[in-house]
Amino acid sequence: TSFEQNYARHKNAVAKANGLNKTVLFDTLAALG
């Protein structure tokens, strides 16, 4: 259904954002010690 497609698309986008944000966050935290 349209809802299922939208939900699947959203879940993929959330997972992609989480992965990118995790990298940026850990790079910054490591640089700060």
Full PDB file with SEQRES, HELIX, SHEET, SSBOND, CRYST1, ORIGX, SCALE, CONECT and MASTER records, all heavy atoms in Angstrom:
SEQRES   1 A   33  THR SER PHE GLU GLN ASN TYR ALA ARG HIS LYS ASN ALA          
SEQRES   2 A   33  VAL ALA LYS ALA ASN GLY LEU ASN LYS THR VAL LEU PHE          
SEQRES   3 A   33  ASP THR LEU ALA ALA LEU GLY                                  
HELIX    1 AA1 SER A    2  LEU A   32  1                                  31    
CRYST1    1.000    1.000    1.000  90.00  90.00  90.00 P 1           1          
ORIGX1      1.000000  0.000000  0.000000        0.00000                         
ORIGX2      0.000000  1.000000  0.000000        0.00000                         
ORIGX3      0.000000  0.000000  1.000000        0.00000                         
SCALE1      1.000000  0.000000  0.000000        0.00000                         
SCALE2      0.000000  1.000000  0.000000        0.00000                         
SCALE3      0.000000  0.000000  1.000000        0.00000                         
ATOM      1  N   THR A   1       0.837  -1.192   0.000  1.00  0.00           N  
ATOM      2  CA  THR A   1       0.000   0.000   0.000  1.00  0.00           C  
ATOM      3  C   THR A   1       0.869   1.238   0.000  1.00  0.00           C  
ATOM      4  O   THR A   1       2.077   1.184   0.266  1.00  0.00           O  
ATOM      5  CB  THR A   1      -0.907   0.039   1.243  1.00  0.00           C  
ATOM      6  OG1 THR A   1      -0.085   0.220   2.394  1.00  0.00           O  
ATOM      7  CG2 THR A   1      -1.745  -1.227   1.363  1.00  0.00           C  
ATOM      8  N   SER A   2       0.252   2.347  -0.260  1.00  0.00           N  
ATOM      9  CA  SER A   2       0.971   3.618  -0.264  1.00  0.00           C  
ATOM     10  C   SER A   2       1.602   3.898   1.102  1.00  0.00           C  
ATOM     11  O   SER A   2       2.748   4.335   1.184  1.00  0.00           O  
ATOM     12  CB  SER A   2       0.013   4.750  -0.646  1.00  0.00           C  
ATOM     13  OG  SER A   2       0.667   5.982  -0.603  1.00  0.00           O  
ATOM     14  N   PHE A   3       0.863   3.608   2.188  1.00  0.00           N  
ATOM     15  CA  PHE A   3       1.420   3.823   3.521  1.00  0.00           C  
ATOM     16  C   PHE A   3       2.643   2.946   3.752  1.00  0.00           C  
ATOM     17  O   PHE A   3       3.661   3.407   4.271  1.00  0.00           O  
ATOM     18  CB  PHE A   3       0.382   3.561   4.613  1.00  0.00           C  
ATOM     19  CG  PHE A   3       0.976   3.646   5.994  1.00  0.00           C  
ATOM     20  CD1 PHE A   3       1.188   4.877   6.594  1.00  0.00           C  
ATOM     21  CD2 PHE A   3       1.369   2.502   6.667  1.00  0.00           C  
ATOM     22  CE1 PHE A   3       1.768   4.969   7.850  1.00  0.00           C  
ATOM     23  CE2 PHE A   3       1.949   2.579   7.920  1.00  0.00           C  
ATOM     24  CZ  PHE A   3       2.153   3.820   8.513  1.00  0.00           C  
ATOM     25  N   GLU A   4       2.551   1.685   3.379  1.00  0.00           N  
ATOM     26  CA  GLU A   4       3.678   0.769   3.568  1.00  0.00           C  
ATOM     27  C   GLU A   4       4.900   1.226   2.785  1.00  0.00           C  
ATOM     28  O   GLU A   4       6.026   1.145   3.266  1.00  0.00           O  
ATOM     29  CB  GLU A   4       3.290  -0.647   3.159  1.00  0.00           C  
ATOM     30  CG  GLU A   4       2.314  -1.301   4.107  1.00  0.00           C  
ATOM     31  CD  GLU A   4       1.760  -2.608   3.570  1.00  0.00           C  
ATOM     32  OE1 GLU A   4       1.597  -2.731   2.336  1.00  0.00           O  
ATOM     33  OE2 GLU A   4       1.494  -3.498   4.386  1.00  0.00           O  
ATOM     34  N   GLN A   5       4.684   1.721   1.569  1.00  0.00           N  
ATOM     35  CA  GLN A   5       5.790   2.231   0.760  1.00  0.00           C  
ATOM     36  C   GLN A   5       6.410   3.469   1.412  1.00  0.00           C  
ATOM     37  O   GLN A   5       7.633   3.585   1.481  1.00  0.00           O  
ATOM     38  CB  GLN A   5       5.313   2.557  -0.655  1.00  0.00           C  
ATOM     39  CG  GLN A   5       4.973   1.334  -1.464  1.00  0.00           C  
ATOM     40  CD  GLN A   5       4.293   1.670  -2.772  1.00  0.00           C  
ATOM     41  OE1 GLN A   5       3.639   2.703  -2.903  1.00  0.00           O  
ATOM     42  NE2 GLN A   5       4.443   0.792  -3.757  1.00  0.00           N  
ATOM     43  N   ASN A   6       5.564   4.369   1.874  1.00  0.00           N  
ATOM     44  CA  ASN A   6       6.069   5.581   2.537  1.00  0.00           C  
ATOM     45  C   ASN A   6       6.825   5.237   3.811  1.00  0.00           C  
ATOM     46  O   ASN A   6       7.872   5.821   4.106  1.00  0.00           O  
ATOM     47  CB  ASN A   6       4.923   6.544   2.855  1.00  0.00           C  
ATOM     48  CG  ASN A   6       4.339   7.178   1.623  1.00  0.00           C  
ATOM     49  OD1 ASN A   6       4.952   7.200   0.570  1.00  0.00           O  
ATOM     50  ND2 ASN A   6       3.130   7.694   1.755  1.00  0.00           N  
ATOM     51  N   TYR A   7       6.300   4.280   4.566  1.00  0.00           N  
ATOM     52  CA  TYR A   7       6.948   3.883   5.809  1.00  0.00           C  
ATOM     53  C   TYR A   7       8.307   3.240   5.528  1.00  0.00           C  
ATOM     54  O   TYR A   7       9.293   3.532   6.199  1.00  0.00           O  
ATOM     55  CB  TYR A   7       6.051   2.933   6.598  1.00  0.00           C  
ATOM     56  CG  TYR A   7       6.601   2.580   7.957  1.00  0.00           C  
ATOM     57  CD1 TYR A   7       6.667   3.537   8.968  1.00  0.00           C  
ATOM     58  CD2 TYR A   7       7.071   1.303   8.225  1.00  0.00           C  
ATOM     59  CE1 TYR A   7       7.189   3.219  10.218  1.00  0.00           C  
ATOM     60  CE2 TYR A   7       7.586   0.978   9.473  1.00  0.00           C  
ATOM     61  CZ  TYR A   7       7.642   1.943  10.466  1.00  0.00           C  
ATOM     62  OH  TYR A   7       8.160   1.636  11.686  1.00  0.00           O  
ATOM     63  N   ALA A   8       8.366   2.372   4.538  1.00  0.00           N  
ATOM     64  CA  ALA A   8       9.630   1.722   4.171  1.00  0.00           C  
ATOM     65  C   ALA A   8      10.648   2.765   3.710  1.00  0.00           C  
ATOM     66  O   ALA A   8      11.825   2.711   4.092  1.00  0.00           O  
ATOM     67  CB  ALA A   8       9.395   0.683   3.079  1.00  0.00           C  
ATOM     68  N   ARG A   9      10.210   3.721   2.913  1.00  0.00           N  
ATOM     69  CA  ARG A   9      11.099   4.789   2.450  1.00  0.00           C  
ATOM     70  C   ARG A   9      11.613   5.605   3.630  1.00  0.00           C  
ATOM     71  O   ARG A   9      12.793   5.917   3.723  1.00  0.00           O  
ATOM     72  CB  ARG A   9      10.363   5.689   1.450  1.00  0.00           C  
ATOM     73  CG  ARG A   9      11.251   6.790   0.881  1.00  0.00           C  
ATOM     74  CD  ARG A   9      10.522   7.686  -0.086  1.00  0.00           C  
ATOM     75  NE  ARG A   9       9.482   8.407   0.645  1.00  0.00           N  
ATOM     76  CZ  ARG A   9       8.260   8.620   0.194  1.00  0.00           C  
ATOM     77  NH1 ARG A   9       7.892   8.187  -0.989  1.00  0.00           N  
ATOM     78  NH2 ARG A   9       7.386   9.287   0.911  1.00  0.00           N  
ATOM     79  N   HIS A  10      10.712   5.912   4.554  1.00  0.00           N  
ATOM     80  CA  HIS A  10      11.101   6.695   5.728  1.00  0.00           C  
ATOM     81  C   HIS A  10      12.097   5.924   6.598  1.00  0.00           C  
ATOM     82  O   HIS A  10      13.092   6.484   7.057  1.00  0.00           O  
ATOM     83  CB  HIS A  10       9.859   7.080   6.541  1.00  0.00           C  
ATOM     84  CG  HIS A  10      10.181   7.854   7.765  1.00  0.00           C  
ATOM     85  ND1 HIS A  10      10.678   9.136   7.720  1.00  0.00           N  
ATOM     86  CD2 HIS A  10      10.104   7.528   9.077  1.00  0.00           C  
ATOM     87  CE1 HIS A  10      10.882   9.567   8.960  1.00  0.00           C  
ATOM     88  NE2 HIS A  10      10.549   8.602   9.793  1.00  0.00           N  
ATOM     89  N   LYS A  11      11.834   4.642   6.843  1.00  0.00           N  
ATOM     90  CA  LYS A  11      12.756   3.827   7.650  1.00  0.00           C  
ATOM     91  C   LYS A  11      14.148   3.780   7.023  1.00  0.00           C  
ATOM     92  O   LYS A  11      15.156   3.839   7.729  1.00  0.00           O  
ATOM     93  CB  LYS A  11      12.207   2.409   7.824  1.00  0.00           C  
ATOM     94  CG  LYS A  11      10.981   2.304   8.688  1.00  0.00           C  
ATOM     95  CD  LYS A  11      11.280   2.512  10.147  1.00  0.00           C  
ATOM     96  CE  LYS A  11      11.867   1.261  10.730  1.00  0.00           C  
ATOM     97  NZ  LYS A  11      12.014   1.286  12.179  1.00  0.00           N  
ATOM     98  N   ASN A  12      14.210   3.673   5.703  1.00  0.00           N  
ATOM     99  CA  ASN A  12      15.504   3.677   5.015  1.00  0.00           C  
ATOM    100  C   ASN A  12      16.216   5.011   5.185  1.00  0.00           C  
ATOM    101  O   ASN A  12      17.426   5.053   5.396  1.00  0.00           O  
ATOM    102  CB  ASN A  12      15.335   3.346   3.530  1.00  0.00           C  
ATOM    103  CG  ASN A  12      14.999   1.891   3.298  1.00  0.00           C  
ATOM    104  OD1 ASN A  12      15.311   1.028   4.115  1.00  0.00           O  
ATOM    105  ND2 ASN A  12      14.340   1.613   2.190  1.00  0.00           N  
ATOM    106  N   ALA A  13      15.464   6.097   5.079  1.00  0.00           N  
ATOM    107  CA  ALA A  13      16.056   7.424   5.234  1.00  0.00           C  
ATOM    108  C   ALA A  13      16.560   7.634   6.665  1.00  0.00           C  
ATOM    109  O   ALA A  13      17.637   8.204   6.880  1.00  0.00           O  
ATOM    110  CB  ALA A  13      15.045   8.509   4.860  1.00  0.00           C  
ATOM    111  N   VAL A  14      15.799   7.170   7.653  1.00  0.00           N  
ATOM    112  CA  VAL A  14      16.219   7.282   9.056  1.00  0.00           C  
ATOM    113  C   VAL A  14      17.512   6.513   9.275  1.00  0.00           C  
ATOM    114  O   VAL A  14      18.455   7.018   9.893  1.00  0.00           O  
ATOM    115  CB  VAL A  14      15.104   6.781  10.010  1.00  0.00           C  
ATOM    116  CG1 VAL A  14      15.622   6.602  11.422  1.00  0.00           C  
ATOM    117  CG2 VAL A  14      13.920   7.741  10.002  1.00  0.00           C  
ATOM    118  N   ALA A  15      17.584   5.291   8.765  1.00  0.00           N  
ATOM    119  CA  ALA A  15      18.788   4.475   8.926  1.00  0.00           C  
ATOM    120  C   ALA A  15      19.994   5.129   8.249  1.00  0.00           C  
ATOM    121  O   ALA A  15      21.106   5.125   8.803  1.00  0.00           O  
ATOM    122  CB  ALA A  15      18.555   3.070   8.366  1.00  0.00           C  
ATOM    123  N   LYS A  16      19.784   5.708   7.080  1.00  0.00           N  
ATOM    124  CA  LYS A  16      20.873   6.384   6.373  1.00  0.00           C  
ATOM    125  C   LYS A  16      21.349   7.596   7.175  1.00  0.00           C  
ATOM    126  O   LYS A  16      22.555   7.791   7.353  1.00  0.00           O  
ATOM    127  CB  LYS A  16      20.409   6.814   4.982  1.00  0.00           C  
ATOM    128  CG  LYS A  16      21.482   7.486   4.167  1.00  0.00           C  
ATOM    129  CD  LYS A  16      20.991   7.826   2.775  1.00  0.00           C  
ATOM    130  CE  LYS A  16      22.069   8.537   1.981  1.00  0.00           C  
ATOM    131  NZ  LYS A  16      21.592   8.918   0.635  1.00  0.00           N  
ATOM    132  N   ALA A  17      20.423   8.407   7.669  1.00  0.00           N  
ATOM    133  CA  ALA A  17      20.788   9.581   8.481  1.00  0.00           C  
ATOM    134  C   ALA A  17      21.529   9.145   9.740  1.00  0.00           C  
ATOM    135  O   ALA A  17      22.541   9.755  10.118  1.00  0.00           O  
ATOM    136  CB  ALA A  17      19.543  10.390   8.839  1.00  0.00           C  
ATOM    137  N   ASN A  18      21.050   8.090  10.388  1.00  0.00           N  
ATOM    138  CA  ASN A  18      21.705   7.607  11.609  1.00  0.00           C  
ATOM    139  C   ASN A  18      23.152   7.207  11.341  1.00  0.00           C  
ATOM    140  O   ASN A  18      24.052   7.533  12.120  1.00  0.00           O  
ATOM    141  CB  ASN A  18      20.937   6.435  12.214  1.00  0.00           C  
ATOM    142  CG  ASN A  18      19.646   6.862  12.857  1.00  0.00           C  
ATOM    143  OD1 ASN A  18      19.424   8.021  13.156  1.00  0.00           O  
ATOM    144  ND2 ASN A  18      18.762   5.901  13.070  1.00  0.00           N  
ATOM    145  N   GLY A  19      23.391   6.504  10.261  1.00  0.00           N  
ATOM    146  CA  GLY A  19      24.754   6.092   9.923  1.00  0.00           C  
ATOM    147  C   GLY A  19      25.673   7.272   9.674  1.00  0.00           C  
ATOM    148  O   GLY A  19      26.807   7.312  10.166  1.00  0.00           O  
ATOM    149  N   LEU A  20      25.190   8.244   8.910  1.00  0.00           N  
ATOM    150  CA  LEU A  20      25.994   9.437   8.621  1.00  0.00           C  
ATOM    151  C   LEU A  20      26.252  10.246   9.887  1.00  0.00           C  
ATOM    152  O   LEU A  20      27.378  10.703  10.134  1.00  0.00           O  
ATOM    153  CB  LEU A  20      25.279  10.309   7.573  1.00  0.00           C  
ATOM    154  CG  LEU A  20      25.154   9.701   6.177  1.00  0.00           C  
ATOM    155  CD1 LEU A  20      24.191  10.520   5.323  1.00  0.00           C  
ATOM    156  CD2 LEU A  20      26.517   9.588   5.510  1.00  0.00           C  
ATOM    157  N   ASN A  21      25.215  10.407  10.705  1.00  0.00           N  
ATOM    158  CA  ASN A  21      25.352  11.198  11.934  1.00  0.00           C  
ATOM    159  C   ASN A  21      26.268  10.522  12.946  1.00  0.00           C  
ATOM    160  O   ASN A  21      27.027  11.190  13.664  1.00  0.00           O  
ATOM    161  CB  ASN A  21      23.984  11.478  12.545  1.00  0.00           C  
ATOM    162  CG  ASN A  21      23.162  12.408  11.688  1.00  0.00           C  
ATOM    163  OD1 ASN A  21      23.699  13.169  10.882  1.00  0.00           O  
ATOM    164  ND2 ASN A  21      21.859  12.352  11.845  1.00  0.00           N  
ATOM    165  N   LYS A  22      26.209   9.211  13.009  1.00  0.00           N  
ATOM    166  CA  LYS A  22      27.073   8.466  13.923  1.00  0.00           C  
ATOM    167  C   LYS A  22      28.542   8.728  13.581  1.00  0.00           C  
ATOM    168  O   LYS A  22      29.363   8.962  14.477  1.00  0.00           O  
ATOM    169  CB  LYS A  22      26.752   6.976  13.839  1.00  0.00           C  
ATOM    170  CG  LYS A  22      27.599   6.105  14.731  1.00  0.00           C  
ATOM    171  CD  LYS A  22      27.246   4.628  14.559  1.00  0.00           C  
ATOM    172  CE  LYS A  22      28.254   3.748  15.258  1.00  0.00           C  
ATOM    173  NZ  LYS A  22      28.058   2.336  14.954  1.00  0.00           N  
ATOM    174  N   THR A  23      28.873   8.716  12.302  1.00  0.00           N  
ATOM    175  CA  THR A  23      30.248   8.966  11.877  1.00  0.00           C  
ATOM    176  C   THR A  23      30.703  10.362  12.271  1.00  0.00           C  
ATOM    177  O   THR A  23      31.783  10.536  12.850  1.00  0.00           O  
ATOM    178  CB  THR A  23      30.379   8.768  10.352  1.00  0.00           C  
ATOM    179  OG1 THR A  23      30.045   7.415  10.042  1.00  0.00           O  
ATOM    180  CG2 THR A  23      31.780   9.081   9.868  1.00  0.00           C  
ATOM    181  N   VAL A  24      29.900  11.369  11.971  1.00  0.00           N  
ATOM    182  CA  VAL A  24      30.240  12.755  12.317  1.00  0.00           C  
ATOM    183  C   VAL A  24      30.403  12.909  13.827  1.00  0.00           C  
ATOM    184  O   VAL A  24      31.347  13.543  14.311  1.00  0.00           O  
ATOM    185  CB  VAL A  24      29.151  13.726  11.792  1.00  0.00           C  
ATOM    186  CG1 VAL A  24      29.334  15.125  12.348  1.00  0.00           C  
ATOM    187  CG2 VAL A  24      29.142  13.742  10.279  1.00  0.00           C  
ATOM    188  N   LEU A  25      29.492  12.308  14.577  1.00  0.00           N  
ATOM    189  CA  LEU A  25      29.524  12.416  16.030  1.00  0.00           C  
ATOM    190  C   LEU A  25      30.776  11.767  16.609  1.00  0.00           C  
ATOM    191  O   LEU A  25      31.488  12.372  17.418  1.00  0.00           O  
ATOM    192  CB  LEU A  25      28.269  11.780  16.631  1.00  0.00           C  
ATOM    193  CG  LEU A  25      28.127  11.861  18.137  1.00  0.00           C  
ATOM    194  CD1 LEU A  25      28.112  13.311  18.621  1.00  0.00           C  
ATOM    195  CD2 LEU A  25      26.864  11.144  18.576  1.00  0.00           C  
ATOM    196  N   PHE A  26      31.081  10.544  16.207  1.00  0.00           N  
ATOM    197  CA  PHE A  26      32.255   9.864  16.750  1.00  0.00           C  
ATOM    198  C   PHE A  26      33.556  10.545  16.329  1.00  0.00           C  
ATOM    199  O   PHE A  26      34.506  10.595  17.117  1.00  0.00           O  
ATOM    200  CB  PHE A  26      32.262   8.381  16.381  1.00  0.00           C  
ATOM    201  CG  PHE A  26      31.432   7.543  17.302  1.00  0.00           C  
ATOM    202  CD1 PHE A  26      30.385   6.780  16.813  1.00  0.00           C  
ATOM    203  CD2 PHE A  26      31.685   7.498  18.662  1.00  0.00           C  
ATOM    204  CE1 PHE A  26      29.614   5.998  17.664  1.00  0.00           C  
ATOM    205  CE2 PHE A  26      30.917   6.718  19.525  1.00  0.00           C  
ATOM    206  CZ  PHE A  26      29.886   5.972  19.024  1.00  0.00           C  
ATOM    207  N   ASP A  27      33.622  11.081  15.120  1.00  0.00           N  
ATOM    208  CA  ASP A  27      34.815  11.829  14.705  1.00  0.00           C  
ATOM    209  C   ASP A  27      35.047  13.020  15.624  1.00  0.00           C  
ATOM    210  O   ASP A  27      36.172  13.285  16.052  1.00  0.00           O  
ATOM    211  CB  ASP A  27      34.678  12.310  13.258  1.00  0.00           C  
ATOM    212  CG  ASP A  27      34.787  11.187  12.232  1.00  0.00           C  
ATOM    213  OD1 ASP A  27      35.181  10.053  12.603  1.00  0.00           O  
ATOM    214  OD2 ASP A  27      34.459  11.445  11.052  1.00  0.00           O  
ATOM    215  N   THR A  28      33.979  13.745  15.945  1.00  0.00           N  
ATOM    216  CA  THR A  28      34.079  14.928  16.809  1.00  0.00           C  
ATOM    217  C   THR A  28      34.448  14.539  18.234  1.00  0.00           C  
ATOM    218  O   THR A  28      35.326  15.152  18.851  1.00  0.00           O  
ATOM    219  CB  THR A  28      32.755  15.714  16.794  1.00  0.00           C  
ATOM    220  OG1 THR A  28      32.458  16.085  15.444  1.00  0.00           O  
ATOM    221  CG2 THR A  28      32.836  16.951  17.658  1.00  0.00           C  
ATOM    222  N   LEU A  29      33.774  13.520  18.781  1.00  0.00           N  
ATOM    223  CA  LEU A  29      34.060  13.096  20.154  1.00  0.00           C  
ATOM    224  C   LEU A  29      35.497  12.606  20.292  1.00  0.00           C  
ATOM    225  O   LEU A  29      36.169  12.912  21.281  1.00  0.00           O  
ATOM    226  CB  LEU A  29      33.071  12.015  20.586  1.00  0.00           C  
ATOM    227  CG  LEU A  29      31.619  12.453  20.725  1.00  0.00           C  
ATOM    228  CD1 LEU A  29      30.714  11.244  20.961  1.00  0.00           C  
ATOM    229  CD2 LEU A  29      31.455  13.481  21.834  1.00  0.00           C  
ATOM    230  N   ALA A  30      35.988  11.857  19.323  1.00  0.00           N  
ATOM    231  CA  ALA A  30      37.361  11.357  19.370  1.00  0.00           C  
ATOM    232  C   ALA A  30      38.356  12.513  19.341  1.00  0.00           C  
ATOM    233  O   ALA A  30      39.338  12.515  20.091  1.00  0.00           O  
ATOM    234  CB  ALA A  30      37.608  10.396  18.210  1.00  0.00           C  
ATOM    235  N   ALA A  31      38.093  13.512  18.495  1.00  0.00           N  
ATOM    236  CA  ALA A  31      38.986  14.668  18.412  1.00  0.00           C  
ATOM    237  C   ALA A  31      39.032  15.444  19.734  1.00  0.00           C  
ATOM    238  O   ALA A  31      40.057  16.047  20.072  1.00  0.00           O  
ATOM    239  CB  ALA A  31      38.547  15.588  17.272  1.00  0.00           C  
ATOM    240  N   LEU A  32      37.938  15.420  20.491  1.00  0.00           N  
ATOM    241  CA  LEU A  32      37.880  16.095  21.794  1.00  0.00           C  
ATOM    242  C   LEU A  32      38.484  15.258  22.919  1.00  0.00           C  
ATOM    243  O   LEU A  32      38.627  15.738  24.037  1.00  0.00           O  
ATOM    244  CB  LEU A  32      36.429  16.445  22.138  1.00  0.00           C  
ATOM    245  CG  LEU A  32      35.762  17.510  21.287  1.00  0.00           C  
ATOM    246  CD1 LEU A  32      34.271  17.553  21.572  1.00  0.00           C  
ATOM    247  CD2 LEU A  32      36.413  18.870  21.548  1.00  0.00           C  
ATOM    248  N   GLY A  33      38.783  13.992  22.652  1.00  0.00           N  
ATOM    249  CA  GLY A  33      39.325  13.110  23.677  1.00  0.00           C  
ATOM    250  C   GLY A  33      38.272  12.462  24.561  1.00  0.00           C  
ATOM    251  O   GLY A  33      38.589  11.830  25.560  1.00  0.00           O  
TER     252      GLY A  33                                                      
MASTER        0    0    0    1    0    0    0    6  251    1    0    3          
END                                                                             
